[in-house]
């Protein structure tokens, strides 16, 4: 790869680290609940504040990006993310926390819609797939670091709020680096995405299955991210800072499997790998629901869930693109909208947990989601494509 190409690719790939900031909401939910005295349903609305905006803004951002350009759209997303980080630095009222995470969600929506297309302007040919995989790997590293930095800020500096200056500084670096990098964007040659063409795809039963699969897998991912520290506090008597290691354990194994996924999927059919990992996920969730009480037992099952979930989003996304290859723009817009699943499952978890009186309620909701994904994997077997 030429030095000039690396010069242009590096700042775009670094943007994926900022993309991973949306997963801060998992550990932040536990801290916010303790600081503001939030009920379980109220605390679990925080993830909804982040992921709701994928439903609202994904397609409009695509239309807006066609006019403004990809790089400028990414830079706007960075500025919104920076504002969210700055608002979270100073402790305030609970409503300020909800507002800040809403801004984080809006910024992350814009970033996810625009950053992947921007990467296609600096990477060509056979290098694109590996670059996209590298980007997701960098995003996973960001998700893994979040709980560790939160724990460090709480123990060493006295408040979880002090992790946000770190992420604000990273956002500034990413913004300036990209701003100073000249990127020539290609002109769009295919028909722009429209609301009608995007939502019309849902008439296809297979696309509807894939769309709901994206909704559920993101919801399950956010759900595990959110419930892990709470589960460790409830069953093992840990502090929130200590319980944050459980979230990092989940992201560590998700990161490892995301890195290995490209090699695994080169040897196995995606349908087979999808089904096998979801069956393992059902066993892991049943164990967490019915048996796991000790610290290491819980961590082992959380780690297994990280391995099971890591590649599901990319598998479903690629299968959807292959199903209707002539409508890549519309498929991409629709699948990114499915990320709003992160706003749906956590409130259901909070509601059932409040009714049951323990995190068993949250685990039951996640188990239901994994069950759907397993059914989805079996429905999309090669013979039914």
Protein backbone atom coordinates (compact mmCIF):
# COMPACT_ATOMS: atom_id res chain seq x y z
CA UNK A 1 0.00 0.00 0.00
CA UNK A 2 1.44 3.42 -0.99
CA UNK A 3 2.40 5.94 1.68
CA UNK A 4 -0.08 8.47 0.28
CA UNK A 5 -2.87 5.90 0.58
CA UNK A 6 -2.01 5.17 4.22
CA UNK A 7 -2.00 8.93 4.88
CA UNK A 8 -5.60 9.14 3.70
CA UNK A 9 -6.86 5.85 5.12
CA UNK A 10 -5.53 6.28 8.67
CA UNK A 11 -7.72 9.26 9.74
CA UNK A 12 -10.82 7.58 8.29
CA UNK A 13 -10.10 4.35 10.15
CA UNK A 14 -9.48 6.32 13.36
CA UNK A 15 -13.05 7.57 13.04
CA UNK A 16 -14.21 4.03 13.85
CA UNK A 17 -12.75 4.48 17.34
CA UNK A 18 -15.11 7.44 17.85
CA UNK A 19 -17.92 5.28 16.46
CA UNK A 20 -17.38 2.90 19.39
CA UNK A 21 -18.32 5.63 21.90
CA UNK A 22 -21.99 4.63 21.59
CA UNK A 23 -21.17 1.57 23.72
CA UNK A 24 -20.27 3.85 26.65
CA UNK A 25 -23.97 3.85 27.44
CA UNK A 26 -23.70 0.30 28.85
CA UNK A 27 -21.44 1.06 31.80
CA UNK A 28 -22.80 4.63 32.09
CA UNK A 29 -26.30 3.27 32.74
CA UNK A 30 -25.12 1.65 35.98
CA UNK A 31 -23.27 4.77 37.14
CA UNK A 32 -26.18 7.10 36.25
CA UNK A 33 -28.70 4.88 38.04
CA UNK A 34 -26.61 5.02 41.23
CA UNK A 35 -25.89 8.77 41.00
CA UNK A 36 -29.41 9.95 40.18
CA UNK A 37 -31.38 7.24 42.00
CA UNK A 38 -33.09 6.08 38.80
CA UNK A 39 -35.52 3.17 38.76
CA UNK A 40 -34.70 0.18 36.57
CA UNK A 41 -37.06 1.24 33.73
CA UNK A 42 -35.81 4.85 33.90
CA UNK A 43 -32.15 3.79 33.84
CA UNK A 44 -32.72 1.50 30.86
CA UNK A 45 -34.13 4.40 28.88
CA UNK A 46 -30.56 5.74 28.57
CA UNK A 47 -29.62 3.22 25.84
CA UNK A 48 -32.83 4.21 24.05
CA UNK A 49 -31.63 7.82 24.04
CA UNK A 50 -28.61 6.65 22.02
CA UNK A 51 -30.13 4.15 19.60
CA UNK A 52 -33.55 5.68 18.91
CA UNK A 53 -31.99 8.09 16.44
CA UNK A 54 -30.92 5.33 14.06
CA UNK A 55 -34.63 4.84 13.35
CA UNK A 56 -35.26 8.56 12.88
CA UNK A 57 -32.20 9.81 11.02
CA UNK A 58 -30.58 6.97 9.01
CA UNK A 59 -32.35 7.53 5.69
CA UNK A 60 -32.55 11.35 5.98
CA UNK A 61 -28.80 11.48 6.68
CA UNK A 62 -28.20 9.43 3.52
CA UNK A 63 -30.20 11.93 1.48
CA UNK A 64 -28.45 14.87 3.19
CA UNK A 65 -25.03 13.31 2.61
CA UNK A 66 -25.66 13.07 -1.13
CA UNK A 67 -25.88 16.88 -1.22
CA UNK A 68 -23.27 17.89 1.37
CA UNK A 69 -20.61 15.22 0.80
CA UNK A 70 -19.32 12.35 2.91
CA UNK A 71 -16.34 14.01 4.59
CA UNK A 72 -18.34 17.07 5.69
CA UNK A 73 -21.08 14.80 7.04
CA UNK A 74 -18.52 12.84 9.07
CA UNK A 75 -17.07 16.08 10.46
CA UNK A 76 -20.55 17.23 11.54
CA UNK A 77 -21.04 13.93 13.37
CA UNK A 78 -17.73 14.45 15.18
CA UNK A 79 -18.76 17.92 16.37
CA UNK A 80 -22.08 16.61 17.72
CA UNK A 81 -20.24 13.78 19.49
CA UNK A 82 -17.80 16.30 21.00
CA UNK A 83 -20.71 18.37 22.34
CA UNK A 84 -22.19 15.26 23.95
CA UNK A 85 -18.86 14.44 25.63
CA UNK A 86 -18.47 18.01 26.94
CA UNK A 87 -21.97 18.03 28.43
CA UNK A 88 -21.23 14.79 30.29
CA UNK A 89 -18.03 16.08 31.92
CA UNK A 90 -19.85 18.12 34.59
CA UNK A 91 -22.33 16.27 36.86
CA UNK A 92 -25.81 17.74 36.59
CA UNK A 93 -29.41 16.63 36.71
CA UNK A 94 -30.62 13.35 35.24
CA UNK A 95 -32.32 15.18 32.37
CA UNK A 96 -28.91 16.55 31.28
CA UNK A 97 -27.60 12.98 31.14
CA UNK A 98 -30.50 11.92 28.91
CA UNK A 99 -29.92 14.93 26.66
CA UNK A 100 -26.20 14.21 26.39
CA UNK A 101 -26.75 10.60 25.38
CA UNK A 102 -29.37 11.70 22.86
CA UNK A 103 -26.72 13.93 21.26
CA UNK A 104 -24.27 11.02 21.35
CA UNK A 105 -26.84 8.88 19.54
CA UNK A 106 -27.50 11.53 16.88
CA UNK A 107 -23.79 11.98 16.28
CA UNK A 108 -23.21 8.23 16.12
CA UNK A 109 -26.08 7.74 13.67
CA UNK A 110 -24.63 10.34 11.31
CA UNK A 111 -21.16 8.84 11.73
CA UNK A 112 -22.22 5.26 10.97
CA UNK A 113 -24.17 6.31 7.88
CA UNK A 114 -21.32 8.43 6.46
CA UNK A 115 -18.01 6.88 7.59
CA UNK A 116 -18.28 3.55 5.73
CA UNK A 117 -19.01 5.25 2.37
CA UNK A 118 -16.13 7.69 3.02
CA UNK A 119 -13.80 4.71 3.40
CA UNK A 120 -14.69 3.62 -0.15
CA UNK A 121 -13.25 6.92 -1.40
CA UNK A 122 -9.78 6.15 -0.01
CA UNK A 123 -9.68 2.35 -0.42
CA UNK A 124 -10.09 0.64 -3.76
CA UNK A 125 -10.57 -2.87 -5.08
CA UNK A 126 -9.72 -5.90 -2.99
CA UNK A 127 -8.48 -3.80 -0.05
CA UNK A 128 -11.97 -2.55 0.80
CA UNK A 129 -13.18 -5.67 2.61
CA UNK A 130 -10.08 -5.91 4.79
CA UNK A 131 -10.28 -2.17 5.54
CA UNK A 132 -13.91 -2.44 6.61
CA UNK A 133 -12.96 -5.37 8.85
CA UNK A 134 -10.13 -3.29 10.32
CA UNK A 135 -12.58 -0.47 10.99
CA UNK A 136 -14.93 -2.77 12.90
CA UNK A 137 -11.97 -4.14 14.83
CA UNK A 138 -10.96 -0.59 15.84
CA UNK A 139 -14.55 0.11 16.90
CA UNK A 140 -14.50 -3.03 19.05
CA UNK A 141 -11.26 -1.89 20.72
CA UNK A 142 -12.98 1.40 21.59
CA UNK A 143 -15.91 -0.48 23.14
CA UNK A 144 -13.50 -2.62 25.15
CA UNK A 145 -11.61 0.41 26.51
CA UNK A 146 -14.72 2.31 27.63
CA UNK A 147 -15.49 0.39 30.87
CA UNK A 148 -11.79 0.29 31.79
CA UNK A 149 -11.46 4.06 31.47
CA UNK A 150 -14.71 4.53 33.42
CA UNK A 151 -13.40 2.34 36.24
CA UNK A 152 -10.08 4.20 36.27
CA UNK A 153 -11.81 7.59 36.39
CA UNK A 154 -14.04 6.49 39.26
CA UNK A 155 -11.30 4.93 41.38
CA UNK A 156 -8.45 7.35 40.65
CA UNK A 157 -10.27 10.64 40.03
CA UNK A 158 -13.43 10.15 42.07
CA UNK A 159 -16.17 10.24 39.42
CA UNK A 160 -17.20 8.40 36.30
CA UNK A 161 -17.78 11.79 34.65
CA UNK A 162 -14.02 12.27 34.36
CA UNK A 163 -13.79 9.64 31.64
CA UNK A 164 -15.49 12.00 29.21
CA UNK A 165 -12.60 14.51 28.88
CA UNK A 166 -10.55 11.57 27.58
CA UNK A 167 -13.13 10.77 24.92
CA UNK A 168 -13.62 14.46 24.11
CA UNK A 169 -9.88 14.82 23.47
CA UNK A 170 -9.91 11.75 21.21
CA UNK A 171 -12.85 13.20 19.27
CA UNK A 172 -10.99 16.49 18.79
CA UNK A 173 -7.91 14.65 17.51
CA UNK A 174 -10.01 12.61 15.09
CA UNK A 175 -11.83 15.71 13.81
CA UNK A 176 -8.65 17.75 13.23
CA UNK A 177 -6.84 14.82 11.61
CA UNK A 178 -9.65 14.20 9.15
CA UNK A 179 -10.16 17.91 8.50
CA UNK A 180 -6.49 18.28 7.51
CA UNK A 181 -6.57 15.24 5.19
CA UNK A 182 -7.53 15.94 1.55
CA UNK A 183 -9.96 13.34 0.23
CA UNK A 184 -11.39 13.28 -3.27
CA UNK A 185 -14.95 11.94 -3.17
CA UNK A 186 -16.41 10.05 -6.11
CA UNK A 187 -19.55 11.27 -7.76
CA UNK A 188 -22.60 9.13 -7.13
CA UNK A 189 -23.67 7.31 -10.28
CA UNK A 190 -26.54 5.24 -8.92
CA UNK A 191 -29.99 6.49 -7.99
CA UNK A 192 -30.13 8.20 -4.61
CA UNK A 193 -31.85 6.51 -1.73
CA UNK A 194 -35.46 7.56 -1.18
CA UNK A 195 -37.93 6.85 1.59
CA UNK A 196 -40.26 4.98 -0.76
CA UNK A 197 -37.58 2.73 -2.26
CA UNK A 198 -36.13 1.93 1.16
CA UNK A 199 -39.33 1.02 2.97
CA UNK A 200 -40.69 -0.76 -0.09
CA UNK A 201 -38.02 -3.45 0.42
CA UNK A 202 -39.83 -4.62 3.54
CA UNK A 203 -42.43 -6.22 1.30
CA UNK A 204 -39.79 -8.87 0.59
CA UNK A 205 -40.15 -11.48 3.38
CA UNK A 206 -36.43 -12.27 3.39
CA UNK A 207 -35.49 -8.60 3.72
CA UNK A 208 -38.03 -8.21 6.53
CA UNK A 209 -36.41 -11.20 8.26
CA UNK A 210 -32.96 -9.63 7.90
CA UNK A 211 -34.15 -6.21 9.06
CA UNK A 212 -35.68 -7.67 12.23
CA UNK A 213 -32.47 -9.67 12.67
CA UNK A 214 -30.45 -6.43 12.72
CA UNK A 215 -32.96 -4.88 15.16
CA UNK A 216 -32.65 -7.87 17.49
CA UNK A 217 -28.87 -8.41 17.33
CA UNK A 218 -28.16 -4.76 18.14
CA UNK A 219 -30.73 -4.91 20.93
CA UNK A 220 -29.15 -8.08 22.33
CA UNK A 221 -25.67 -6.53 22.09
CA UNK A 222 -26.76 -3.40 23.95
CA UNK A 223 -28.74 -5.53 26.40
CA UNK A 224 -25.70 -7.63 27.36
CA UNK A 225 -23.58 -4.49 27.57
CA UNK A 226 -26.13 -2.96 29.95
CA UNK A 227 -27.03 -5.97 32.12
CA UNK A 228 -23.52 -7.35 32.73
CA UNK A 229 -22.38 -4.87 35.43
CA UNK A 230 -25.81 -4.96 37.06
CA UNK A 231 -25.75 -8.75 37.15
CA UNK A 232 -22.32 -8.81 38.79
CA UNK A 233 -23.42 -6.23 41.37
CA UNK A 234 -26.60 -8.19 42.12
CA UNK A 235 -25.16 -11.73 42.28
CA UNK A 236 -21.56 -11.11 43.39
CA UNK A 237 -21.87 -7.99 45.54
CA UNK A 238 -19.31 -6.00 43.52
CA UNK A 239 -19.08 -2.22 43.25
CA UNK A 240 -20.06 -0.70 39.91
CA UNK A 241 -16.40 0.08 39.14
CA UNK A 242 -15.42 -3.55 39.79
CA UNK A 243 -18.41 -4.84 37.81
CA UNK A 244 -17.26 -2.80 34.80
CA UNK A 245 -14.63 -5.47 34.18
CA UNK A 246 -17.48 -7.77 33.15
CA UNK A 247 -18.44 -5.40 30.34
CA UNK A 248 -14.81 -5.20 29.23
CA UNK A 249 -14.65 -9.00 29.25
CA UNK A 250 -17.65 -9.10 26.90
CA UNK A 251 -16.08 -6.57 24.53
CA UNK A 252 -12.69 -8.28 24.69
CA UNK A 253 -14.08 -11.58 23.44
CA UNK A 254 -16.33 -9.80 20.94
CA UNK A 255 -13.23 -7.99 19.64
CA UNK A 256 -11.22 -11.20 19.35
CA UNK A 257 -13.99 -12.98 17.47
CA UNK A 258 -14.56 -9.97 15.21
CA UNK A 259 -10.88 -10.12 14.26
CA UNK A 260 -11.02 -13.88 13.67
CA UNK A 261 -14.37 -13.76 11.89
CA UNK A 262 -12.92 -13.00 8.47
CA UNK A 263 -10.71 -16.11 8.66
CA UNK A 264 -13.50 -18.32 10.04
CA UNK A 265 -16.02 -17.21 7.43
CA UNK A 266 -13.48 -17.93 4.69
CA UNK A 267 -13.72 -21.64 5.60
CA UNK A 268 -17.37 -22.01 6.64
CA UNK A 269 -20.64 -20.95 5.05
CA UNK A 270 -22.00 -17.86 6.83
CA UNK A 271 -25.35 -19.61 7.34
CA UNK A 272 -23.65 -22.52 9.14
CA UNK A 273 -21.52 -20.23 11.31
CA UNK A 274 -24.56 -18.06 12.09
CA UNK A 275 -26.67 -21.02 13.20
CA UNK A 276 -23.87 -22.63 15.25
CA UNK A 277 -23.07 -19.44 17.16
CA UNK A 278 -26.73 -18.75 17.93
CA UNK A 279 -27.23 -22.26 19.30
CA UNK A 280 -24.21 -21.67 21.54
CA UNK A 281 -25.71 -18.32 22.52
CA UNK A 282 -28.96 -19.95 23.61
CA UNK A 283 -27.02 -22.36 25.86
CA UNK A 284 -25.01 -19.48 27.34
CA UNK A 285 -28.12 -17.42 28.10
CA UNK A 286 -29.93 -20.40 29.64
CA UNK A 287 -26.93 -20.96 31.89
CA UNK A 288 -26.88 -17.29 32.94
CA UNK A 289 -30.63 -17.36 33.53
CA UNK A 290 -30.81 -20.57 35.55
CA UNK A 291 -27.43 -21.48 37.03
CA UNK A 292 -24.63 -18.87 36.96
CA UNK A 293 -24.03 -17.27 40.38
CA UNK A 294 -20.24 -17.08 40.85
CA UNK A 295 -18.05 -14.33 39.39
CA UNK A 296 -16.00 -16.53 37.06
CA UNK A 297 -19.03 -18.55 35.98
CA UNK A 298 -20.86 -15.37 34.95
CA UNK A 299 -17.79 -13.99 33.18
CA UNK A 300 -17.35 -17.24 31.24
CA UNK A 301 -20.91 -17.06 29.90
CA UNK A 302 -20.60 -13.33 29.12
CA UNK A 303 -17.37 -14.08 27.22
CA UNK A 304 -19.16 -16.82 25.27
CA UNK A 305 -21.91 -14.37 24.36
CA UNK A 306 -19.23 -11.98 23.09
CA UNK A 307 -17.93 -14.70 20.80
CA UNK A 308 -21.44 -15.57 19.61
CA UNK A 309 -22.60 -12.02 18.85
CA UNK A 310 -19.40 -10.64 17.28
CA UNK A 311 -20.05 -11.41 13.60
CA UNK A 312 -23.85 -11.63 13.42
CA UNK A 313 -24.38 -8.03 12.28
CA UNK A 314 -21.91 -8.35 9.39
CA UNK A 315 -23.32 -11.76 8.36
CA UNK A 316 -26.91 -10.49 8.21
CA UNK A 317 -25.82 -7.29 6.45
CA UNK A 318 -23.87 -9.17 3.78
CA UNK A 319 -26.68 -11.70 3.23
CA UNK A 320 -29.14 -8.84 2.74
CA UNK A 321 -26.89 -7.19 0.16
CA UNK A 322 -26.51 -10.50 -1.68
CA UNK A 323 -30.27 -11.04 -1.69
CA UNK A 324 -30.96 -7.78 -3.59
CA UNK A 325 -27.57 -6.77 -5.03
CA UNK A 326 -29.03 -4.14 -7.34
CA UNK A 327 -30.32 -1.99 -4.45
CA UNK A 328 -27.27 -1.64 -2.26
CA UNK A 329 -28.07 1.96 -1.19
CA UNK A 330 -31.58 1.10 -0.08
CA UNK A 331 -30.46 -2.08 1.71
CA UNK A 332 -27.71 -0.20 3.54
CA UNK A 333 -30.09 2.53 4.69
CA UNK A 334 -32.63 0.00 5.90
CA UNK A 335 -30.11 -2.14 7.77
CA UNK A 336 -28.59 0.90 9.51
CA UNK A 337 -32.11 1.83 10.60
CA UNK A 338 -32.22 -1.55 12.29
CA UNK A 339 -29.54 -0.35 14.73
CA UNK A 340 -32.47 1.36 16.47
CA UNK A 341 -33.04 -2.06 18.05
CA UNK A 342 -30.68 -0.78 20.73
CA UNK A 343 -33.51 1.54 21.78
CA UNK A 344 -36.15 -1.20 21.92
CA UNK A 345 -34.82 -4.07 24.00
CA UNK A 346 -33.33 -2.21 27.02
CA UNK A 347 -36.69 -0.64 28.05
CA UNK A 348 -38.32 -4.09 27.82
CA UNK A 349 -35.51 -5.43 30.01
CA UNK A 350 -36.05 -2.67 32.55
CA UNK A 351 -39.80 -3.24 32.64
CA UNK A 352 -39.55 -7.01 33.17
CA UNK A 353 -36.72 -6.62 35.70
CA UNK A 354 -38.90 -4.20 37.66
CA UNK A 355 -41.75 -6.72 37.63
CA UNK A 356 -39.61 -9.73 38.54
CA UNK A 357 -37.42 -7.86 41.01
CA UNK A 358 -34.06 -9.09 39.67
CA UNK A 359 -31.89 -9.09 36.56
CA UNK A 360 -33.45 -12.44 35.66
CA UNK A 361 -36.07 -10.38 33.83
CA UNK A 362 -33.43 -8.73 31.65
CA UNK A 363 -31.80 -12.08 30.90
CA UNK A 364 -35.13 -13.52 29.81
CA UNK A 365 -35.60 -10.72 27.27
CA UNK A 366 -32.08 -11.26 25.89
CA UNK A 367 -32.69 -15.02 25.67
CA UNK A 368 -35.84 -14.34 23.61
CA UNK A 369 -33.78 -12.20 21.23
CA UNK A 370 -31.10 -14.87 20.81
CA UNK A 371 -33.88 -17.39 20.16
CA UNK A 372 -35.19 -15.24 17.31
CA UNK A 373 -31.70 -14.93 15.83
CA UNK A 374 -31.33 -18.72 15.94
CA UNK A 375 -34.66 -19.11 14.13
CA UNK A 376 -33.53 -16.47 11.62
CA UNK A 377 -30.29 -18.40 10.99
CA UNK A 378 -32.21 -21.59 10.26
CA UNK A 379 -34.66 -19.77 7.96
CA UNK A 380 -31.88 -18.39 5.75
CA UNK A 381 -30.15 -21.70 5.04
CA UNK A 382 -28.54 -21.87 1.56
CA UNK A 383 -31.26 -24.09 0.15
CA UNK A 384 -33.84 -21.41 0.96
CA UNK A 385 -31.96 -18.54 -0.62
